[in-house]
C-alpha cells in the first residue's frame, strides 16, 4: 500500500468530534494536528462547527451536522488535500466516506469509540446490528487506525480488516507532579475520576465502592445530576483546566478508571504523568497502558485494585508515562495515511 512520502502534504481530517467538545478524540486530534503543522504539513480539520447542527440526544455539548454532504464536498474541493482521514462515524464521517467512494478516492479511518457497547447500554439495540454498521463504515477505507493491540484483537474478532497500530501520547509538560493542591482539606486518601460523566463510563461502579477518604469526580456530562443525587458524599467539581486539572491528578492518591468500554483512555496517561497510580478493570485500555507495570493495579474487584494502587511508586508512574510521546503518535499517524489517488 502506498504511503505519503516525506514531502510536506495537505492533510484533511473530517471529524464529528471537534472543538468546542471536550473529550479524548478531540484532545488526540488537536495534539496530532499541532505536531503535523509543526512538521511542515498543511492540515485542515472539518468539524460540526462549519455546518447547521443539532444537539446529540442526551449529549447537549455534542453537535451533529445536518445534511452536510454538499457543503462538505465544497470544503474538500477548496482545500484540495493530498490525503483524507475520516476520524469518526457520525454524519460528517458518513458524508466524507460517501464523497470519497463516489469519486474513487482513497482514505483512512480511525476507531475511537465502542459505539456498539454505548448504544446497547443506552437503547438496548443489539450489539450485532451496530457492529455490522461499523464494519461497513470502516471497510470502505484503506486502513483503520486503532490505539491498542487488545482493541485490534477485538475488532479482528468482529471481522475488521486493514487494522493499523496508532498509539496515543501525553503532554508531559502539562501533566506533571506538583502544583497547588485543589483538594483542600478533603479527607485522605483521594480517589479521583476525571472525564466525561456518562453511563458508558461506569462511574457508579466507582462511587459505590466502600473506600476510605474521599471520592472526587472531575468533569461533566449527562449523568452528573443523577450521580450527585445517588452519591451525595462524593465531591463533584465540574470541568477543571488551566493547570487545575493537572494538579487534581497530581494531588490525588489514586486515579480510578471504572470504564469497561474505552478504546484507550488518555486520562490514564495524564494521571501517570502527574505521578498518580491507576486502579482499573483488566480491560482494553488499562491492559495496554498499565499491563503488568508496577504503576497501579488492575482487578475485576475494583475496590481491591484501588487499595493496592495506594502502594504504587509514584516516581515509576511518571517514568512509565514518559515512554508515550505525542511526537511519535503524530509520526505514526502521518506514516499510515494514504494518497487520495
Protein backbone atom coordinates (compact mmCIF):
# COMPACT_ATOMS: atom_id res chain seq x y z
CA UNK A 1 0.00 0.00 0.00
CA UNK A 2 1.41 3.38 -1.00
CA UNK A 3 2.06 5.86 1.81
CA UNK A 4 2.82 9.56 1.86
CA UNK A 5 6.45 10.44 1.33
CA UNK A 6 8.46 12.87 3.44
CA UNK A 7 7.45 15.94 1.42
CA UNK A 8 5.01 18.31 3.23
CA UNK A 9 1.45 17.32 2.46
CA UNK A 10 -2.04 18.80 2.58
CA UNK A 11 -3.87 16.61 5.07
CA UNK A 12 -7.63 16.78 5.61
CA UNK A 13 -9.23 15.42 8.78
CA UNK A 14 -13.01 15.07 8.89
CA UNK A 15 -14.32 14.64 12.42
CA UNK A 16 -17.72 14.83 14.10
CA UNK A 17 -15.79 15.33 17.35
CA UNK A 18 -14.13 18.72 17.37
CA UNK A 19 -13.95 21.94 19.34
CA UNK A 20 -15.68 23.09 21.49
CA UNK A 21 -16.29 19.47 22.53
CA UNK A 22 -14.01 18.22 25.32
CA UNK A 23 -13.15 14.55 25.06
CA UNK A 24 -10.34 12.16 24.24
CA UNK A 25 -10.97 12.18 20.48
CA UNK A 26 -10.76 15.98 20.33
CA UNK A 27 -7.64 16.12 22.52
CA UNK A 28 -5.98 13.46 20.38
CA UNK A 29 -6.74 15.13 17.06
CA UNK A 30 -5.87 18.63 18.33
CA UNK A 31 -2.47 17.48 19.51
CA UNK A 32 -1.69 15.42 16.42
CA UNK A 33 -2.69 18.31 14.15
CA UNK A 34 -0.38 20.60 16.11
CA UNK A 35 2.52 18.19 15.67
CA UNK A 36 1.85 17.86 11.93
CA UNK A 37 1.70 21.63 11.48
CA UNK A 38 4.97 21.99 13.36
CA UNK A 39 6.49 19.44 10.99
CA UNK A 40 5.57 21.48 7.91
CA UNK A 41 2.34 19.85 6.74
CA UNK A 42 -0.79 21.85 5.97
CA UNK A 43 -3.71 20.44 7.92
CA UNK A 44 -7.40 21.25 7.78
CA UNK A 45 -9.96 19.86 10.24
CA UNK A 46 -13.60 19.95 9.17
CA UNK A 47 -15.90 19.59 12.16
CA UNK A 48 -19.56 20.28 13.02
CA UNK A 49 -18.81 23.97 13.64
CA UNK A 50 -18.88 24.53 9.85
CA UNK A 51 -22.48 23.30 9.47
CA UNK A 52 -26.00 23.69 10.71
CA UNK A 53 -26.26 21.23 13.55
CA UNK A 54 -28.44 19.81 16.30
CA UNK A 55 -27.55 18.60 19.77
CA UNK A 56 -27.00 14.88 20.11
CA UNK A 57 -29.82 13.38 22.22
CA UNK A 58 -28.56 13.04 25.78
CA UNK A 59 -25.36 14.99 24.98
CA UNK A 60 -26.16 18.67 24.54
CA UNK A 61 -22.46 19.54 24.16
CA UNK A 62 -22.08 17.27 21.12
CA UNK A 63 -23.35 18.77 17.86
CA UNK A 64 -24.38 16.67 14.86
CA UNK A 65 -24.13 18.23 11.40
CA UNK A 66 -27.40 18.31 9.45
CA UNK A 67 -27.25 17.04 5.84
CA UNK A 68 -23.56 18.01 5.46
CA UNK A 69 -22.64 16.22 2.22
CA UNK A 70 -22.95 19.09 -0.29
CA UNK A 71 -21.21 21.67 1.90
CA UNK A 72 -18.55 19.13 2.89
CA UNK A 73 -17.79 18.38 -0.77
CA UNK A 74 -17.30 22.12 -1.39
CA UNK A 75 -14.94 22.44 1.56
CA UNK A 76 -12.96 19.39 0.47
CA UNK A 77 -12.60 20.77 -3.06
CA UNK A 78 -11.50 24.16 -1.74
CA UNK A 79 -8.78 22.62 0.41
CA UNK A 80 -7.58 20.16 -2.28
CA UNK A 81 -5.99 17.62 0.08
CA UNK A 82 -3.33 15.05 -0.68
CA UNK A 83 -4.75 12.70 1.96
CA UNK A 84 -8.07 12.36 3.78
CA UNK A 85 -8.59 10.86 7.21
CA UNK A 86 -12.12 10.26 8.50
CA UNK A 87 -11.89 10.28 12.27
CA UNK A 88 -15.46 9.46 13.33
CA UNK A 89 -18.58 7.59 12.26
CA UNK A 90 -21.09 10.44 12.65
CA UNK A 91 -22.92 12.45 9.94
CA UNK A 92 -19.70 14.10 8.74
CA UNK A 93 -17.85 10.80 8.69
CA UNK A 94 -20.53 9.09 6.62
CA UNK A 95 -20.71 12.07 4.24
CA UNK A 96 -16.92 12.08 3.74
CA UNK A 97 -16.98 8.33 3.15
CA UNK A 98 -19.72 8.74 0.52
CA UNK A 99 -17.88 11.57 -1.27
CA UNK A 100 -14.63 9.63 -1.43
CA UNK A 101 -16.32 6.46 -2.66
CA UNK A 102 -18.28 8.32 -5.34
CA UNK A 103 -15.07 9.93 -6.62
CA UNK A 104 -12.88 6.86 -6.33
CA UNK A 105 -10.67 8.50 -3.69
CA UNK A 106 -8.69 6.59 -1.08
CA UNK A 107 -8.98 7.46 2.60
CA UNK A 108 -8.27 6.12 6.07
CA UNK A 109 -10.40 5.95 9.21
CA UNK A 110 -9.82 5.59 12.94
CA UNK A 111 -11.73 3.63 15.57
CA UNK A 112 -12.05 5.72 18.73
CA UNK A 113 -15.29 4.67 20.37
CA UNK A 114 -17.05 1.39 21.18
CA UNK A 115 -20.39 2.58 19.82
CA UNK A 116 -21.95 -0.91 19.82
CA UNK A 117 -21.48 -1.11 23.59
CA UNK A 118 -22.56 2.51 24.15
CA UNK A 119 -25.73 2.17 22.07
CA UNK A 120 -26.62 -1.10 23.74
CA UNK A 121 -26.20 0.47 27.19
CA UNK A 122 -28.35 3.46 26.28
CA UNK A 123 -31.01 1.96 24.00
CA UNK A 124 -30.82 -1.82 24.12
CA UNK A 125 -30.01 -2.01 20.39
CA UNK A 126 -28.36 -5.41 19.76
CA UNK A 127 -24.61 -5.09 19.53
CA UNK A 128 -24.50 -7.28 16.41
CA UNK A 129 -26.52 -4.68 14.46
CA UNK A 130 -24.13 -1.88 15.41
CA UNK A 131 -21.04 -3.97 14.67
CA UNK A 132 -22.38 -4.65 11.17
CA UNK A 133 -22.77 -0.91 10.56
CA UNK A 134 -19.29 -0.18 11.92
CA UNK A 135 -17.73 -2.88 9.72
CA UNK A 136 -19.43 -1.38 6.68
CA UNK A 137 -18.24 2.12 7.51
CA UNK A 138 -14.57 1.25 8.12
CA UNK A 139 -14.37 -1.43 5.44
CA UNK A 140 -14.57 1.21 2.70
CA UNK A 141 -11.24 2.78 3.70
CA UNK A 142 -7.64 1.72 3.15
CA UNK A 143 -6.76 1.44 6.83
CA UNK A 144 -8.42 1.55 10.25
CA UNK A 145 -6.23 3.23 12.89
CA UNK A 146 -6.52 1.55 16.32
CA UNK A 147 -4.92 2.60 19.58
CA UNK A 148 -4.03 -0.74 21.18
CA UNK A 149 -3.25 -4.38 20.49
CA UNK A 150 -6.20 -5.57 22.54
CA UNK A 151 -8.56 -3.30 20.61
CA UNK A 152 -7.16 -4.64 17.34
CA UNK A 153 -7.81 -8.18 18.57
CA UNK A 154 -11.39 -7.25 19.46
CA UNK A 155 -12.00 -5.68 16.05
CA UNK A 156 -10.49 -8.66 14.25
CA UNK A 157 -12.96 -10.82 16.13
CA UNK A 158 -15.74 -8.71 14.65
CA UNK A 159 -14.43 -9.08 11.09
CA UNK A 160 -12.49 -5.84 10.67
CA UNK A 161 -9.61 -5.74 8.16
CA UNK A 162 -6.65 -3.45 7.39
CA UNK A 163 -6.02 -2.51 11.01
CA UNK A 164 -3.15 -0.07 11.63
CA UNK A 165 -1.49 0.46 15.03
CA UNK A 166 -1.73 4.07 16.18
CA UNK A 167 -0.98 4.62 19.88
CA UNK A 168 -1.51 7.79 21.92
CA UNK A 169 0.66 10.27 23.79
CA UNK A 170 0.60 12.59 26.75
CA UNK A 171 1.66 16.20 27.28
CA UNK A 172 4.46 15.69 29.79
CA UNK A 173 4.95 19.44 30.27
CA UNK A 174 1.31 19.99 31.19
CA UNK A 175 0.70 16.86 33.25
CA UNK A 176 3.39 16.53 35.89
CA UNK A 177 3.76 16.24 39.64
CA UNK A 178 3.30 19.41 41.69
CA UNK A 179 1.11 22.45 41.51
CA UNK A 180 -1.26 23.84 44.13
CA UNK A 181 -3.41 21.14 45.74
CA UNK A 182 -7.03 21.79 44.63
CA UNK A 183 -8.46 19.17 47.01
CA UNK A 184 -8.07 21.37 50.07
CA UNK A 185 -8.86 19.70 53.38
CA UNK A 186 -10.78 16.75 51.94
CA UNK A 187 -10.17 13.56 53.95
CA UNK A 188 -7.40 11.38 52.53
CA UNK A 189 -6.82 9.28 50.56
CA UNK A 190 -8.25 10.99 47.47
CA UNK A 191 -9.64 8.58 44.87
CA UNK A 192 -10.11 10.59 41.67
CA UNK A 193 -12.08 10.09 38.48
CA UNK A 194 -11.70 12.62 35.65
CA UNK A 195 -13.53 12.59 32.36
CA UNK A 196 -16.97 12.61 30.83
CA UNK A 197 -19.78 11.77 33.25
CA UNK A 198 -21.92 9.40 31.23
CA UNK A 199 -23.43 5.96 31.68
CA UNK A 200 -20.86 4.20 29.49
CA UNK A 201 -18.06 5.38 31.78
CA UNK A 202 -19.43 3.15 34.57
CA UNK A 203 -18.72 5.80 37.21
CA UNK A 204 -21.39 4.44 39.56
CA UNK A 205 -19.27 1.30 39.99
CA UNK A 206 -16.51 3.51 41.42
CA UNK A 207 -18.75 5.70 43.57
CA UNK A 208 -20.46 2.66 45.10
CA UNK A 209 -17.17 1.27 46.43
CA UNK A 210 -16.52 1.17 50.17
CA UNK A 211 -13.27 3.15 50.27
CA UNK A 212 -11.54 5.29 52.90
CA UNK A 213 -11.07 9.02 52.36
CA UNK A 214 -12.86 10.92 49.58
CA UNK A 215 -14.10 10.14 46.09
CA UNK A 216 -13.67 13.11 43.72
CA UNK A 217 -15.22 13.36 40.25
CA UNK A 218 -13.80 15.95 37.85
CA UNK A 219 -15.75 16.65 34.66
CA UNK A 220 -19.31 16.98 33.48
CA UNK A 221 -21.86 15.15 31.41
CA UNK A 222 -25.45 13.95 31.20
CA UNK A 223 -25.24 11.52 34.14
CA UNK A 224 -23.86 14.04 36.63
CA UNK A 225 -27.19 15.15 38.21
CA UNK A 226 -28.31 11.57 38.80
CA UNK A 227 -24.96 10.54 40.29
CA UNK A 228 -24.86 13.60 42.55
CA UNK A 229 -28.25 12.61 43.94
CA UNK A 230 -27.31 8.94 44.30
CA UNK A 231 -23.87 9.57 45.87
CA UNK A 232 -24.12 12.74 48.00
CA UNK A 233 -20.85 12.02 49.80
CA UNK A 234 -18.79 12.20 46.61
CA UNK A 235 -17.29 15.54 45.53
CA UNK A 236 -18.24 16.69 42.01
CA UNK A 237 -16.08 19.60 40.82
CA UNK A 238 -17.26 20.13 37.23
CA UNK A 239 -14.71 20.83 34.48
CA UNK A 240 -11.22 21.80 35.50
CA UNK A 241 -8.48 23.15 33.26
CA UNK A 242 -5.74 25.81 33.11
CA UNK A 243 -3.48 23.76 35.33
CA UNK A 244 -6.16 22.81 37.87
CA UNK A 245 -6.90 19.51 36.12
CA UNK A 246 -3.21 18.59 36.12
CA UNK A 247 -2.93 19.49 39.80
CA UNK A 248 -6.04 17.43 40.52
CA UNK A 249 -4.28 14.39 39.11
CA UNK A 250 -1.01 15.20 40.85
CA UNK A 251 -2.55 15.58 44.30
CA UNK A 252 -4.83 12.55 44.13
CA UNK A 253 -3.70 9.34 45.78
CA UNK A 254 -5.21 7.02 43.15
CA UNK A 255 -6.80 7.64 39.78
CA UNK A 256 -9.77 5.31 39.32
CA UNK A 257 -10.80 4.32 35.80
CA UNK A 258 -14.03 2.29 36.03
CA UNK A 259 -14.85 2.18 32.31
CA UNK A 260 -15.06 -1.20 30.62
CA UNK A 261 -15.69 0.15 27.10
CA UNK A 262 -12.98 2.72 26.31
CA UNK A 263 -10.63 2.03 23.42
CA UNK A 264 -7.63 3.63 25.16
CA UNK A 265 -8.20 6.16 27.94
CA UNK A 266 -5.98 9.24 27.58
CA UNK A 267 -6.74 10.09 31.19
CA UNK A 268 -4.70 7.05 32.25
CA UNK A 269 -1.56 8.59 30.78
CA UNK A 270 -2.40 12.03 32.17
CA UNK A 271 -2.70 10.63 35.69
CA UNK A 272 0.51 8.61 35.40
CA UNK A 273 2.39 11.63 34.02
CA UNK A 274 1.30 13.52 37.14
CA UNK A 275 2.76 10.71 39.25
CA UNK A 276 -0.55 9.17 40.30
CA UNK A 277 -1.13 5.39 40.18
CA UNK A 278 -4.16 3.91 38.44
CA UNK A 279 -6.83 1.46 39.56
CA UNK A 280 -8.94 -0.10 36.83
CA UNK A 281 -10.55 -3.23 35.49
CA UNK A 282 -8.33 -5.52 33.35
CA UNK A 283 -9.89 -4.48 30.02
CA UNK A 284 -8.84 -2.82 26.76
CA UNK A 285 -7.10 0.45 27.58
CA UNK A 286 -5.81 -0.30 31.07
CA UNK A 287 -4.37 -3.63 29.93
CA UNK A 288 -2.44 -1.83 27.20
CA UNK A 289 -1.37 1.27 29.14
CA UNK A 290 -0.72 -0.35 32.53
CA UNK A 291 -0.33 -4.06 31.86
CA UNK A 292 1.95 -5.63 34.44
CA UNK A 293 3.84 -2.41 35.19
CA UNK A 294 4.02 -1.53 38.92
CA UNK A 295 2.18 1.76 38.40
CA UNK A 296 -1.22 0.79 39.73
CA UNK A 297 -3.48 -2.25 39.95
CA UNK A 298 -5.90 -3.99 37.59
CA UNK A 299 -8.52 -6.26 39.10
CA UNK A 300 -12.09 -7.39 38.49
CA UNK A 301 -12.55 -6.37 42.13
CA UNK A 302 -12.21 -2.61 41.63
CA UNK A 303 -12.10 -1.92 45.36
CA UNK A 304 -9.14 -4.27 45.74
CA UNK A 305 -7.42 -2.52 42.83
CA UNK A 306 -7.96 0.89 44.46
CA UNK A 307 -6.46 -0.22 47.75
CA UNK A 308 -3.46 -1.95 46.12
CA UNK A 309 -2.77 1.08 43.93
CA UNK A 310 -2.17 3.16 47.05
CA UNK A 311 1.17 1.36 47.46
CA UNK A 312 2.46 2.04 43.93
CA UNK A 313 5.68 4.02 43.43
CA UNK A 314 4.69 7.49 42.17
CA UNK A 315 8.10 8.06 40.62
CA UNK A 316 7.67 4.94 38.48
CA UNK A 317 4.28 6.25 37.37
CA UNK A 318 5.91 9.33 35.85
CA UNK A 319 8.69 7.26 34.26
CA UNK A 320 6.12 4.93 32.70
CA UNK A 321 4.21 7.85 31.15
CA UNK A 322 7.40 9.30 29.66
CA UNK A 323 7.50 6.41 27.18
CA UNK A 324 4.37 7.81 25.45
CA UNK A 325 5.25 10.68 23.13
CA UNK A 326 2.84 12.82 21.11
CA UNK A 327 5.58 13.34 18.53
CA UNK A 328 5.77 9.58 17.95
CA UNK A 329 1.97 9.39 17.85
CA UNK A 330 1.78 12.07 15.13
CA UNK A 331 4.62 10.50 13.17
CA UNK A 332 2.83 7.15 13.13
CA UNK A 333 -0.44 8.83 12.12
CA UNK A 334 1.20 10.55 9.18
CA UNK A 335 3.09 7.44 8.09
CA UNK A 336 -0.16 5.45 7.96
CA UNK A 337 -2.05 7.93 5.75
CA UNK A 338 -2.53 7.03 2.08
CA UNK A 339 -2.54 9.28 -1.03
CA UNK A 340 -6.06 10.04 -2.25
CA UNK A 341 -5.24 8.84 -5.75
